[in-house]
Amino acid sequence: MSSIDQSGGLRGTPLSIVLVGAGGIVRNAHLPAYRKGGLPVVAIVDRDPRRSQELASEWGIGISGASLPSVLPQLHSPAIFDIAVPASAVLEVLRTIPQGATVLIQKPLGETLAEAEAIVALCHERGIRAAVNFQLRWAPNMLAARAITDSGALGTLHDIEVQVSTHTPWELWTFLKTVPRLEIVYHSIHYIDLVRSWLGNPQRVYARTVRNPRTPDLAATRSVIVLDYDEWTRVFIATNHGLDVPYPALQHSYVQWEGSAGVMRAQMGVNLDYPKGRGDTLEFYSREPDQRFAPGLQPIAGEWFPDAFLGSLLSVQRFALGEAGTMPTRVEDALDTMRVVEAAYLSSERGGEPLPLAQLETAR
């Protein structure tokens, strides 16, 4: 897979950004990232006009409103529309986006594969050039891990594992209380997309996602997902978002890669104390000729939140400005991530193989 470049700035003048949605992710990630990168946000809209007005005032944004049609006449230059609304509302918003516009859609691309296909079809129908904000690809430690791999230092990659055991405050997103699908489509989708960016599409998916008795009002928040590539490659994702204990050492949040020449582990600190976080790290261990491991903590500047959101938006800016021929997370590619998500839910619903009868039991 090709590497993702976040280095350097844009060659041209960045396009203005119109934010659709004024929730916590916009306040805590989108706006800090864009300010850090010097990207101009000119308008923000939200169904709750008071919330959009408050956020616009706080961040010095000149235009706010309750809907896109109410602010479009006030825009005087081409813009990128950054949609950060619940997945079930994406289609409704896209119908109000100007034809031919460039758009970044907060993940997921709908809550089901059928919704994702409808979104892609609408984008094609209206000439909208859209990407999905799978920003984990642009987290600084993930980019550093990619650089190590591209250098050949990892050797041949044959193992990726993602392990997350922590407490996630789902109550911060009130709309999640009623969704029928939660953990895989709203969280593990990040890791599915990350794995796809390294290995492409798997051949098969095996999964089980279950509810937590400590949060009986929510859909499933714990999952195990196995992505099957070939006889040599092991990929699995294991998440538990209900580990609410006063012992930080019992919690973990990492991606680990193993190759023929070394091992890397990237900590995703934001999961460990969301939204404050505990910091991102990357460790790389190279195999010496005598097969011992030489540990090394790689220097990382920045973290998943908010820095990766800048990388995601910059990929869209470069495409809109003609500085890149495509967007890595364009909706057509994101549709494949949604296919893997759908396969995981289907696998979970269909269940595993029941135990075969033992010969002794058959004889009885």
Foldseek 3Di string as FASTA:
>chain_A
DDAADPDDAAPDDFFEEEEEDQAPCCVFAVLVQCVVRVHHHAEYEDCPQVSRVVVCVVSVHDYYYHADVVCVVVDDGAYEYEYDDPLVCVVVNLVVDQQLHEYEYEDDNHPALVSLVVVVVSCVVRNYWYFYCLLVCQWQQNSVVVVCVVVCQQPAWAEKEWEWEAADPPVSPVVQLPDQDPAVRPPVLSVLVNVCVVVNAAPAKAKAFACDPVCVSGHTNWMKMWGHHDPRHTYIYTYHNHNDDPPLVVTFTWMKIHHPFWIKIWGQQCSHPPNVGDDIWMWIWTQDPVRDTDIDTDDTDGHSGHNSSNSQVSLSRCCVVVNDVGRPRTSVSSSSSSVNSNSRVVNNVVDDDDDDDDPVRVVD
